[in-house]
Protein backbone atom coordinates (compact mmCIF):
# COMPACT_ATOMS: atom_id res chain seq x y z
CA MET A 1 -2.26 8.64 12.71
CA GLN A 2 1.17 8.65 11.15
CA VAL A 3 2.21 7.42 7.80
CA THR A 4 6.01 6.88 7.09
CA TYR A 5 7.58 5.99 3.68
CA TYR A 6 9.99 3.33 3.63
CA GLY A 7 10.65 3.73 -0.60
CA HIS A 8 8.56 2.12 -3.46
CA SER A 9 5.37 1.13 -2.07
CA CYS A 10 6.67 0.28 1.41
CA LEU A 11 5.03 2.33 4.10
CA MET A 12 3.99 2.07 7.83
CA ILE A 13 0.80 3.44 9.39
CA SER A 14 0.84 3.88 13.19
CA VAL A 15 -2.65 4.10 14.28
CA ALA A 16 -4.41 3.23 17.71
CA GLY A 17 -1.29 1.99 19.20
CA LYS A 18 -0.56 -0.57 16.21
CA ARG A 19 1.84 -0.29 13.53
CA LEU A 20 0.58 -1.68 9.99
CA LEU A 21 3.38 -2.47 7.52
CA LEU A 22 2.59 -2.06 3.85
CA ASP A 23 4.07 -4.45 1.00
CA PRO A 24 7.51 -4.54 2.49
CA PHE A 25 10.31 -4.34 -0.09
CA ILE A 26 13.52 -2.39 0.96
CA LYS A 27 16.72 -4.16 0.26
CA GLY A 28 16.13 -4.47 -3.30
CA ASN A 29 15.56 -0.46 -3.72
CA PRO A 30 19.02 1.20 -3.79
CA LEU A 31 16.97 4.27 -2.67
CA ALA A 32 16.26 2.94 0.72
CA ALA A 33 19.79 1.71 1.66
CA ASP A 34 19.37 3.43 4.90
CA ILE A 35 16.43 1.47 5.95
CA ASP A 36 17.16 -1.86 7.75
CA PRO A 37 14.29 -4.15 7.33
CA ALA A 38 15.41 -6.33 10.31
CA ALA A 39 14.96 -3.32 12.83
CA ILE A 40 11.21 -2.39 11.69
CA ARG A 41 9.07 -3.45 14.31
CA CYS A 42 5.20 -4.19 13.38
CA ASP A 43 2.13 -5.67 14.40
CA PHE A 44 0.59 -6.43 11.20
CA ILE A 45 1.93 -6.42 7.41
CA PHE A 46 -0.62 -5.92 4.94
CA VAL A 47 0.13 -7.58 1.39
CA SER A 48 -1.54 -6.09 -1.74
CA HIS A 49 -0.08 -8.82 -3.78
CA ALA A 50 2.62 -11.44 -4.50
CA HIS A 51 5.24 -9.60 -6.70
CA GLY A 52 8.79 -9.48 -5.40
CA ASP A 53 9.02 -5.65 -5.07
CA HIS A 54 6.04 -6.14 -2.44
CA ILE A 55 7.10 -8.92 -0.60
CA GLY A 56 10.90 -9.15 -0.89
CA ASP A 57 11.71 -8.34 2.86
CA LEU A 58 8.57 -9.92 4.48
CA GLU A 59 10.30 -13.01 5.84
CA THR A 60 13.14 -10.76 7.33
CA VAL A 61 10.61 -8.37 8.98
CA VAL A 62 8.60 -11.59 10.40
CA ALA A 63 11.80 -13.33 11.48
CA HIS A 64 12.13 -10.05 13.71
CA ASN A 65 8.81 -9.60 14.77
CA PRO A 66 7.39 -12.87 16.47
CA GLY A 67 3.35 -12.74 16.76
CA VAL A 68 3.45 -10.56 13.79
CA GLN A 69 -0.23 -10.92 11.42
CA ILE A 70 0.14 -11.02 7.76
CA VAL A 71 -3.30 -9.86 6.33
CA ALA A 72 -3.80 -10.81 2.21
CA ILE A 73 -5.95 -12.15 -0.09
CA ALA A 74 -6.57 -15.86 0.56
CA GLU A 75 -4.03 -17.65 -1.84
CA ILE A 76 -1.25 -15.30 -0.34
CA ALA A 77 -2.49 -16.04 3.41
CA THR A 78 -2.38 -19.68 2.67
CA TYR A 79 1.15 -19.26 0.97
CA TYR A 80 2.61 -17.82 4.47
CA ALA A 81 0.25 -19.84 6.74
CA GLN A 82 1.89 -23.06 4.87
CA LYS A 83 5.25 -21.81 6.22
CA GLY A 84 3.88 -21.50 9.84
CA TYR A 85 3.28 -17.55 9.73
CA ASN A 86 0.29 -16.40 11.56
CA ALA A 87 -1.76 -14.92 8.53
CA HIS A 88 -5.36 -13.93 8.07
CA PRO A 89 -7.08 -14.23 4.73
CA MET A 90 -9.23 -11.94 3.35
CA ASN A 91 -10.95 -11.39 -0.32
CA LEU A 92 -12.69 -8.72 -1.88
CA GLY A 93 -15.72 -7.95 -0.19
CA GLY A 94 -16.83 -6.61 3.15
CA TRP A 95 -15.11 -5.39 6.26
CA TRP A 96 -13.31 -7.21 8.87
CA ASN A 97 -12.74 -5.55 12.44
CA PHE A 98 -9.20 -5.51 14.18
CA ASP A 99 -8.09 -4.04 17.45
CA PHE A 100 -7.09 -0.66 15.72
CA GLY A 101 -10.22 -0.37 13.52
CA ARG A 102 -11.86 -1.96 10.40
CA VAL A 103 -10.32 -3.12 7.15
CA LYS A 104 -11.69 -3.33 3.65
CA MET A 105 -10.23 -5.22 0.89
CA VAL A 106 -10.89 -3.65 -2.49
CA HIS A 107 -10.52 -4.35 -6.27
CA ALA A 108 -7.28 -3.65 -7.99
CA VAL A 109 -6.23 -4.15 -12.08
CA HIS A 110 -2.71 -5.82 -11.87
CA SER A 111 -1.30 -9.27 -11.47
CA SER A 112 -0.12 -11.59 -8.73
CA SER A 113 2.18 -14.27 -8.73
CA PHE A 114 5.10 -15.16 -6.27
CA PRO A 115 8.68 -14.90 -7.69
CA ASP A 116 8.67 -18.95 -7.40
CA GLY A 117 5.94 -18.96 -9.75
CA THR A 118 3.40 -19.73 -7.21
CA TYR A 119 -0.38 -18.01 -8.09
CA GLY A 120 -0.94 -15.19 -5.89
CA GLY A 121 -4.56 -14.77 -6.36
CA THR A 122 -5.68 -11.33 -7.54
CA ALA A 123 -4.13 -7.96 -6.45
CA ALA A 124 -5.73 -5.67 -4.39
CA GLY A 125 -6.04 -2.67 -2.29
CA PHE A 126 -7.18 -1.60 1.31
CA VAL A 127 -9.24 0.72 2.98
CA TRP A 128 -8.68 1.22 6.94
CA ASP A 129 -11.32 2.75 8.63
CA THR A 130 -10.18 4.19 12.59
CA SER A 131 -10.85 6.47 14.80
CA GLU A 132 -7.81 8.44 13.81
CA GLY A 133 -8.41 8.54 10.17
CA VAL A 134 -9.53 6.61 6.81
CA VAL A 135 -6.76 5.85 4.24
CA TYR A 136 -7.16 3.99 1.02
CA TYR A 137 -4.00 2.23 -0.23
CA ALA A 138 -4.44 1.17 -4.02
CA GLY A 139 -1.87 -1.11 -4.49
CA ASP A 140 -0.34 -1.52 -7.70
CA THR A 141 -3.20 -0.54 -9.91
CA ALA A 142 -4.48 0.68 -12.97
CA VAL A 143 -6.99 3.37 -12.76
CA HIS A 144 -10.50 1.66 -13.17
CA MET A 145 -14.15 2.50 -12.71
CA ASP A 146 -14.52 0.36 -9.51
CA MET A 147 -12.63 3.12 -7.42
CA GLN A 148 -15.71 5.17 -7.69
CA LEU A 149 -17.54 2.68 -5.27
CA ILE A 150 -14.81 3.42 -2.60
CA PRO A 151 -16.79 6.77 -1.53
CA MET A 152 -19.88 4.53 -1.98
CA THR A 153 -19.08 1.69 0.59
CA CYS A 154 -16.56 3.50 2.75
CA PRO A 155 -16.56 6.53 5.03
CA PRO A 156 -14.81 9.98 3.52
CA LEU A 157 -11.27 9.45 2.85
CA ASP A 158 -8.61 11.68 4.67
CA LEU A 159 -5.64 9.92 2.65
CA ALA A 160 -5.32 8.28 -0.73
CA ILE A 161 -2.08 6.01 -1.36
CA LEU A 162 -1.82 6.15 -4.77
CA PRO A 163 0.89 4.41 -7.52
CA ILE A 164 2.19 7.19 -9.66
CA GLY A 165 5.45 5.61 -11.65
CA SER A 166 3.58 4.17 -14.69
CA ASN A 167 4.74 1.57 -16.95
CA PHE A 168 3.51 -0.96 -14.18
CA THR A 169 0.74 1.06 -12.63
CA MET A 170 -1.05 4.51 -13.01
CA ASP A 171 0.86 7.44 -14.19
CA TYR A 172 0.47 10.75 -12.16
CA GLN A 173 -2.29 11.84 -14.47
CA ASP A 174 -4.28 8.64 -14.14
CA ALA A 175 -3.67 8.84 -10.52
CA LEU A 176 -5.38 12.23 -10.55
CA LEU A 177 -8.27 10.83 -12.20
CA ALA A 178 -8.37 8.05 -9.35
CA ALA A 179 -8.21 10.57 -6.79
CA GLU A 180 -11.30 12.13 -8.37
CA PHE A 181 -13.18 8.79 -8.74
CA VAL A 182 -12.22 7.99 -4.70
CA ARG A 183 -13.09 11.85 -3.81
CA CYS A 184 -9.93 12.50 -2.03
CA ASN A 185 -8.06 15.88 -2.20
CA ARG A 186 -4.85 14.65 -0.44
CA VAL A 187 -2.96 11.79 -1.91
CA LEU A 188 0.37 10.43 -1.12
CA GLY A 189 2.54 8.81 -4.31
CA CYS A 190 4.18 5.65 -3.97
CA HIS A 191 5.86 3.22 -6.47
CA TYR A 192 7.83 5.67 -8.23
CA ASP A 193 11.43 6.02 -8.91
CA SER A 194 12.89 3.05 -7.21
CA PHE A 195 14.22 1.72 -11.02
CA GLY A 196 14.62 3.13 -14.34
CA TYR A 197 10.97 2.07 -15.68
CA ILE A 198 9.18 4.48 -13.01
CA LYS A 199 11.23 7.37 -12.65
CA ILE A 200 8.84 10.68 -12.65
CA ASP A 201 9.18 14.30 -13.24
CA HIS A 202 8.55 15.27 -9.32
CA GLU A 203 7.53 19.08 -10.33
CA ALA A 204 5.34 18.24 -13.02
CA ALA A 205 3.54 15.54 -10.92
CA VAL A 206 2.80 18.00 -8.01
CA ALA A 207 1.84 20.68 -10.30
CA ALA A 208 -0.94 18.61 -12.11
CA PHE A 209 -2.22 17.71 -9.09
CA GLU A 210 -2.46 21.65 -7.81
CA ALA A 211 -3.99 22.59 -11.08
CA LYS A 212 -6.93 20.13 -10.11
CA GLY A 213 -6.96 21.89 -6.30
CA LYS A 214 -5.42 18.53 -5.09
CA ASP A 215 -2.34 17.78 -2.89
CA LEU A 216 0.24 15.23 -4.13
CA GLU A 217 2.66 14.33 -1.19
CA LEU A 218 6.22 12.79 -2.23
CA LEU A 219 7.88 11.92 0.86
CA PRO A 220 11.66 11.44 1.19
CA ILE A 221 12.55 7.95 2.43
CA GLY A 222 12.15 7.83 5.98
CA GLY A 223 9.96 10.71 6.07
CA SER A 224 6.19 10.75 7.46
CA LEU A 225 3.16 12.93 7.38
CA THR A 226 0.45 13.00 9.87
CA VAL A 227 -3.38 12.07 9.16
């Protein structure tokens, strides 16, 4: 499994011959100026919530990927289905089997509405359980006690993708607590540096994780890691 970082909270998970794009927001992020959303090829788009900095380039990606399936909470899936897109609705709870593995939608603590004001359901995260690894993506969230349910209901995690930018989400200190809750020592940071409210001290963040025996990876935009 390979995970590629496109900036902010937009990532690509390549697993079992499929490409899973998470929260496509690129053009609005000046740090991702070298990434062309029209050039991205994917089989699925997973949406954690409806805010513009998570769906900003979704329709561009869909236009260049006929047949791509959007996976999101029911309200978001319905919003896009009404536009004629291929959408699979989920909600918090059990697993669904896809051809690359199974997926569980999990609780996040955050708001969710579309830029046009349409209700976007509740924010969520995802756990992907595949033959190549198990990954948790928290989406935008504060740290919360329900994270402790993940190791109780999911296989052991190989990677946790956690927001660390503060103000709108967890900061890196809270993300460290979240990593302990989900029992994962390898963390990929996201939702940081894209604009003024969420700029972080990279060295301090990495050092805080190292002090607790955990690995925080801060990929360059366009960079990848292997799970």
